[in-house]
Amino acid sequence: MLHNFEPPATEDEVEAAALQYVRKVSGTTKPSAANQEAFDEAVRAVTEATRVLLESLTTKAPPRDREVEAAKAKARAAERYGVRA
């Protein structure tokens, strides 16, 4: 989730999300040399599409705080996996 944070998502975060998406769709974390160019182009395209989407979205909700959301995620993971937070 990258929308409605203060401060806004960074370029690195947008690109990391795009990379995660392309890896998921392609089923690989490291493409073969034959597929590297297509993989890299997909990451660039998804990064740009994500950037456009984030810039276009509007909301009336107040921006979320990154640290608060990270703490909530950590607590959910601890609950789900039985790990101490």
Protein backbone atom coordinates (compact mmCIF):
# COMPACT_ATOMS: atom_id res chain seq x y z
CA MET A 1 0.00 0.00 0.00
CA LEU A 2 1.58 3.27 -1.12
CA HIS A 3 -1.37 5.67 -1.28
CA ASN A 4 -2.13 8.41 1.25
CA PHE A 5 1.02 8.41 3.36
CA GLU A 6 2.83 11.34 4.85
CA PRO A 7 5.46 11.72 3.56
CA PRO A 8 4.36 10.39 0.15
CA ALA A 9 5.82 7.20 -1.31
CA THR A 10 9.34 7.63 -2.64
CA GLU A 11 10.53 6.68 -6.11
CA ASP A 12 12.41 3.76 -4.52
CA GLU A 13 9.22 2.50 -2.86
CA VAL A 14 7.26 2.77 -6.10
CA GLU A 15 9.96 0.90 -8.01
CA ALA A 16 10.23 -1.77 -5.30
CA ALA A 17 6.46 -2.34 -5.51
CA ALA A 18 6.71 -2.61 -9.31
CA LEU A 19 9.56 -5.10 -9.02
CA GLN A 20 7.56 -7.18 -6.53
CA TYR A 21 4.58 -7.18 -8.90
CA VAL A 22 6.63 -8.21 -11.95
CA ARG A 23 8.34 -10.97 -9.96
CA LYS A 24 4.95 -12.27 -8.80
CA VAL A 25 3.41 -12.21 -12.28
CA SER A 26 6.46 -13.70 -14.01
CA GLY A 27 7.01 -16.32 -11.32
CA THR A 28 10.70 -15.54 -10.99
CA THR A 29 12.92 -13.31 -8.91
CA LYS A 30 15.84 -13.57 -11.33
CA PRO A 31 14.94 -13.78 -15.01
CA SER A 32 17.17 -15.61 -17.46
CA ALA A 33 19.50 -13.57 -19.64
CA ALA A 34 17.08 -14.13 -22.53
CA ASN A 35 14.23 -12.55 -20.53
CA GLN A 36 16.13 -9.83 -18.65
CA GLU A 37 15.28 -7.04 -21.10
CA ALA A 38 11.56 -7.88 -21.06
CA PHE A 39 11.62 -8.13 -17.26
CA ASP A 40 13.37 -4.76 -16.88
CA GLU A 41 10.97 -3.10 -19.31
CA ALA A 42 8.00 -4.49 -17.39
CA VAL A 43 9.39 -3.05 -14.14
CA ARG A 44 9.83 0.36 -15.83
CA ALA A 45 6.28 0.27 -17.25
CA VAL A 46 4.69 -0.79 -13.96
CA THR A 47 6.71 1.84 -12.08
CA GLU A 48 5.43 4.55 -14.40
CA ALA A 49 1.83 3.28 -14.25
CA THR A 50 2.03 3.21 -10.45
CA ARG A 51 3.41 6.73 -10.33
CA VAL A 52 0.57 7.98 -12.57
CA LEU A 53 -2.01 6.16 -10.45
CA LEU A 54 -0.69 7.54 -7.16
CA GLU A 55 -0.60 11.08 -8.55
CA SER A 56 -4.21 10.73 -9.77
CA LEU A 57 -5.82 9.30 -6.63
CA THR A 58 -7.69 11.59 -4.25
CA THR A 59 -9.05 11.00 -0.78
CA LYS A 60 -10.73 12.91 2.01
CA ALA A 61 -9.06 10.71 4.63
CA PRO A 62 -6.14 12.19 6.53
CA PRO A 63 -2.70 10.90 5.50
CA ARG A 64 -1.50 7.83 7.38
CA ASP A 65 1.67 7.89 9.45
CA ARG A 66 4.29 5.41 8.22
CA GLU A 67 5.56 4.52 11.69
CA VAL A 68 2.07 3.87 13.05
CA GLU A 69 1.17 1.69 10.06
CA ALA A 70 4.45 -0.24 10.36
CA ALA A 71 3.73 -0.93 14.04
CA LYS A 72 0.22 -2.16 13.16
CA ALA A 73 1.65 -4.47 10.48
CA LYS A 74 4.22 -5.84 12.92
CA ALA A 75 1.49 -6.53 15.48
CA ARG A 76 -0.67 -8.28 12.85
CA ALA A 77 2.29 -10.44 11.80
CA ALA A 78 3.01 -11.34 15.42
CA GLU A 79 -0.63 -12.34 15.91
CA ARG A 80 -0.75 -14.30 12.65
CA TYR A 81 2.56 -16.12 13.04
CA GLY A 82 2.75 -16.32 16.83
CA VAL A 83 5.91 -14.24 16.98
CA ARG A 84 6.59 -11.60 19.59
CA ALA A 85 6.26 -8.06 18.31
